[in-house]
């Protein structure tokens, strides 16, 4: 339910609330999903993209990557998260014919499918 709230808010405003990210992180920690290494790796990848593109990828997405990365159990799963998110984001961008899309929904769906597949 919180993921839907984050996605909906990002679609409407192109922002992700820090409080929602903290709540999502707490939920993941309570559920036992605590892989700090993959969280940091996912964060580093998205931070690099954020810096290289001069902020075209929002910093909220970078922070969401950190939170979602905590749920990864394997490197392959992290690759799935990222690939599914970028494929869905690309499809959405083509359908919207826009250069500015909300990327959190794609990231959240990518993480969900990554969890279901592995």
C-alpha atoms as a PDB file:
ATOM      1  CA  UNK A   1       0.000   0.000   0.000  1.00  0.00           C
ATOM      2  CA  UNK A   2       2.849   2.395   0.820  1.00  0.00           C
ATOM      3  CA  UNK A   3       4.510   1.575  -2.504  1.00  0.00           C
ATOM      4  CA  UNK A   4       1.305   2.544  -4.307  1.00  0.00           C
ATOM      5  CA  UNK A   5       1.237   5.827  -2.361  1.00  0.00           C
ATOM      6  CA  UNK A   6       4.847   6.551  -3.315  1.00  0.00           C
ATOM      7  CA  UNK A   7       4.192   5.735  -6.976  1.00  0.00           C
ATOM      8  CA  UNK A   8       1.016   7.807  -7.143  1.00  0.00           C
ATOM      9  CA  UNK A   9       2.647  10.818  -5.493  1.00  0.00           C
ATOM     10  CA  UNK A  10       5.634  10.585  -7.833  1.00  0.00           C
ATOM     11  CA  UNK A  11       3.346  10.466 -10.862  1.00  0.00           C
ATOM     12  CA  UNK A  12       1.478  13.559  -9.659  1.00  0.00           C
ATOM     13  CA  UNK A  13       4.415  15.662  -8.461  1.00  0.00           C
ATOM     14  CA  UNK A  14       7.657  14.032  -9.656  1.00  0.00           C
ATOM     15  CA  UNK A  15       8.719  13.935  -6.007  1.00  0.00           C
ATOM     16  CA  UNK A  16       9.185  11.200  -3.410  1.00  0.00           C
ATOM     17  CA  UNK A  17       8.602  12.146   0.212  1.00  0.00           C
ATOM     18  CA  UNK A  18      11.453  11.361   2.598  1.00  0.00           C
ATOM     19  CA  UNK A  19       8.957  10.263   5.262  1.00  0.00           C
ATOM     20  CA  UNK A  20       7.525   7.640   2.903  1.00  0.00           C
ATOM     21  CA  UNK A  21      11.029   6.344   2.187  1.00  0.00           C
ATOM     22  CA  UNK A  22      11.777   6.106   5.907  1.00  0.00           C
ATOM     23  CA  UNK A  23       8.530   4.222   6.508  1.00  0.00           C
ATOM     24  CA  UNK A  24       9.276   1.849   3.639  1.00  0.00           C
ATOM     25  CA  UNK A  25      12.766   1.269   5.015  1.00  0.00           C
ATOM     26  CA  UNK A  26      11.349   0.516   8.471  1.00  0.00           C
ATOM     27  CA  UNK A  27       8.892  -1.966   6.996  1.00  0.00           C
ATOM     28  CA  UNK A  28      11.689  -3.745   5.134  1.00  0.00           C
ATOM     29  CA  UNK A  29      13.815  -3.890   8.287  1.00  0.00           C
ATOM     30  CA  UNK A  30      10.921  -5.274  10.326  1.00  0.00           C
ATOM     31  CA  UNK A  31      10.364  -7.941   7.665  1.00  0.00           C
ATOM     32  CA  UNK A  32      14.015  -8.928   7.913  1.00  0.00           C
ATOM     33  CA  UNK A  33      15.176  -7.536   4.577  1.00  0.00           C
ATOM     34  CA  UNK A  34      18.526  -6.037   5.501  1.00  0.00           C
ATOM     35  CA  UNK A  35      21.169  -6.375   2.831  1.00  0.00           C
ATOM     36  CA  UNK A  36      23.196  -3.211   3.267  1.00  0.00           C
ATOM     37  CA  UNK A  37      25.688  -4.104   0.521  1.00  0.00           C
ATOM     38  CA  UNK A  38      23.081  -4.253  -2.242  1.00  0.00           C
ATOM     39  CA  UNK A  39      21.398  -1.131  -0.895  1.00  0.00           C
ATOM     40  CA  UNK A  40      24.654   0.782  -1.158  1.00  0.00           C
ATOM     41  CA  UNK A  41      25.422  -0.668  -4.604  1.00  0.00           C
ATOM     42  CA  UNK A  42      21.977   0.231  -5.995  1.00  0.00           C
ATOM     43  CA  UNK A  43      22.353   3.708  -4.458  1.00  0.00           C
ATOM     44  CA  UNK A  44      25.827   4.140  -5.972  1.00  0.00           C
ATOM     45  CA  UNK A  45      24.630   3.131  -9.438  1.00  0.00           C
ATOM     46  CA  UNK A  46      21.727   5.571  -9.354  1.00  0.00           C
ATOM     47  CA  UNK A  47      23.819   8.329  -7.770  1.00  0.00           C
ATOM     48  CA  UNK A  48      26.298   7.957 -10.639  1.00  0.00           C
ATOM     49  CA  UNK A  49      23.471   8.268 -13.157  1.00  0.00           C
ATOM     50  CA  UNK A  50      22.087  11.271 -11.269  1.00  0.00           C
ATOM     51  CA  UNK A  51      25.466  13.018 -11.383  1.00  0.00           C
ATOM     52  CA  UNK A  52      26.315  12.146 -14.992  1.00  0.00           C
ATOM     53  CA  UNK A  53      22.909  13.290 -16.261  1.00  0.00           C
ATOM     54  CA  UNK A  54      23.059  16.476 -14.180  1.00  0.00           C
ATOM     55  CA  UNK A  55      19.964  15.603 -12.185  1.00  0.00           C
ATOM     56  CA  UNK A  56      17.755  14.196 -14.953  1.00  0.00           C
ATOM     57  CA  UNK A  57      17.262  11.195 -12.680  1.00  0.00           C
ATOM     58  CA  UNK A  58      15.834  12.752  -9.525  1.00  0.00           C
ATOM     59  CA  UNK A  59      17.505  12.383  -6.155  1.00  0.00           C
ATOM     60  CA  UNK A  60      14.295  10.862  -4.772  1.00  0.00           C
ATOM     61  CA  UNK A  61      14.867   7.970  -7.162  1.00  0.00           C
ATOM     62  CA  UNK A  62      18.441   7.695  -5.897  1.00  0.00           C
ATOM     63  CA  UNK A  63      17.191   7.461  -2.304  1.00  0.00           C
ATOM     64  CA  UNK A  64      14.504   4.957  -3.321  1.00  0.00           C
ATOM     65  CA  UNK A  65      17.248   2.819  -4.880  1.00  0.00           C
ATOM     66  CA  UNK A  66      18.994   2.685  -1.504  1.00  0.00           C
ATOM     67  CA  UNK A  67      15.808   1.526   0.220  1.00  0.00           C
ATOM     68  CA  UNK A  68      14.881  -1.036  -2.438  1.00  0.00           C
ATOM     69  CA  UNK A  69      18.437  -2.348  -2.560  1.00  0.00           C
ATOM     70  CA  UNK A  70      18.094  -3.517   1.042  1.00  0.00           C
ATOM     71  CA  UNK A  71      15.586  -6.118  -0.175  1.00  0.00           C
ATOM     72  CA  UNK A  72      17.960  -7.750  -2.672  1.00  0.00           C
ATOM     73  CA  UNK A  73      19.354 -11.137  -1.717  1.00  0.00           C
ATOM     74  CA  UNK A  74      21.622 -11.743  -4.713  1.00  0.00           C
ATOM     75  CA  UNK A  75      23.485  -9.719  -7.321  1.00  0.00           C
ATOM     76  CA  UNK A  76      21.302 -11.267 -10.038  1.00  0.00           C
ATOM     77  CA  UNK A  77      18.220 -10.017  -8.215  1.00  0.00           C
ATOM     78  CA  UNK A  78      19.648  -6.489  -8.145  1.00  0.00           C
ATOM     79  CA  UNK A  79      20.308  -6.677 -11.878  1.00  0.00           C
ATOM     80  CA  UNK A  80      16.684  -7.757 -12.370  1.00  0.00           C
ATOM     81  CA  UNK A  81      15.443  -4.812 -10.290  1.00  0.00           C
ATOM     82  CA  UNK A  82      17.437  -2.380 -12.398  1.00  0.00           C
ATOM     83  CA  UNK A  83      16.717  -3.921 -15.808  1.00  0.00           C
ATOM     84  CA  UNK A  84      12.984  -4.284 -15.238  1.00  0.00           C
ATOM     85  CA  UNK A  85      12.772  -0.710 -13.950  1.00  0.00           C
ATOM     86  CA  UNK A  86      14.618   0.714 -16.974  1.00  0.00           C
ATOM     87  CA  UNK A  87      12.604  -1.347 -19.459  1.00  0.00           C
ATOM     88  CA  UNK A  88       9.307  -0.262 -17.898  1.00  0.00           C
ATOM     89  CA  UNK A  89      10.480   3.336 -17.622  1.00  0.00           C
ATOM     90  CA  UNK A  90      11.499   3.325 -21.284  1.00  0.00           C
ATOM     91  CA  UNK A  91       8.162   1.918 -22.374  1.00  0.00           C
ATOM     92  CA  UNK A  92       6.341   4.496 -20.272  1.00  0.00           C
ATOM     93  CA  UNK A  93       8.457   7.327 -21.677  1.00  0.00           C
ATOM     94  CA  UNK A  94       7.663   6.211 -25.237  1.00  0.00           C
ATOM     95  CA  UNK A  95       3.956   5.964 -24.462  1.00  0.00           C
ATOM     96  CA  UNK A  96       3.908   9.378 -22.771  1.00  0.00           C
ATOM     97  CA  UNK A  97       6.167  10.878 -25.428  1.00  0.00           C
ATOM     98  CA  UNK A  98       7.777  12.812 -22.634  1.00  0.00           C
ATOM     99  CA  UNK A  99      11.338  13.267 -21.474  1.00  0.00           C
ATOM    100  CA  UNK A 100      10.151  13.694 -17.877  1.00  0.00           C
ATOM    101  CA  UNK A 101       8.490  10.679 -16.340  1.00  0.00           C
ATOM    102  CA  UNK A 102       7.987   9.542 -12.785  1.00  0.00           C
ATOM    103  CA  UNK A 103      10.515   6.725 -12.369  1.00  0.00           C
ATOM    104  CA  UNK A 104       9.514   5.484  -8.888  1.00  0.00           C
ATOM    105  CA  UNK A 105       6.607   3.383 -10.220  1.00  0.00           C
ATOM    106  CA  UNK A 106       8.979   1.553 -12.586  1.00  0.00           C
ATOM    107  CA  UNK A 107      11.495   1.025  -9.791  1.00  0.00           C
ATOM    108  CA  UNK A 108       8.855  -0.329  -7.423  1.00  0.00           C
ATOM    109  CA  UNK A 109       7.428  -2.680 -10.043  1.00  0.00           C
ATOM    110  CA  UNK A 110      10.957  -3.794 -10.954  1.00  0.00           C
ATOM    111  CA  UNK A 111      11.634  -4.636  -7.299  1.00  0.00           C
ATOM    112  CA  UNK A 112       8.340  -6.501  -6.994  1.00  0.00           C
ATOM    113  CA  UNK A 113       9.036  -8.620 -10.072  1.00  0.00           C
ATOM    114  CA  UNK A 114      12.632  -9.139  -8.947  1.00  0.00           C
ATOM    115  CA  UNK A 115      11.320 -10.521  -5.668  1.00  0.00           C
ATOM    116  CA  UNK A 116       8.793 -12.764  -7.401  1.00  0.00           C
ATOM    117  CA  UNK A 117      11.226 -14.138  -9.978  1.00  0.00           C
ATOM    118  CA  UNK A 118      14.019 -15.028  -7.542  1.00  0.00           C
END
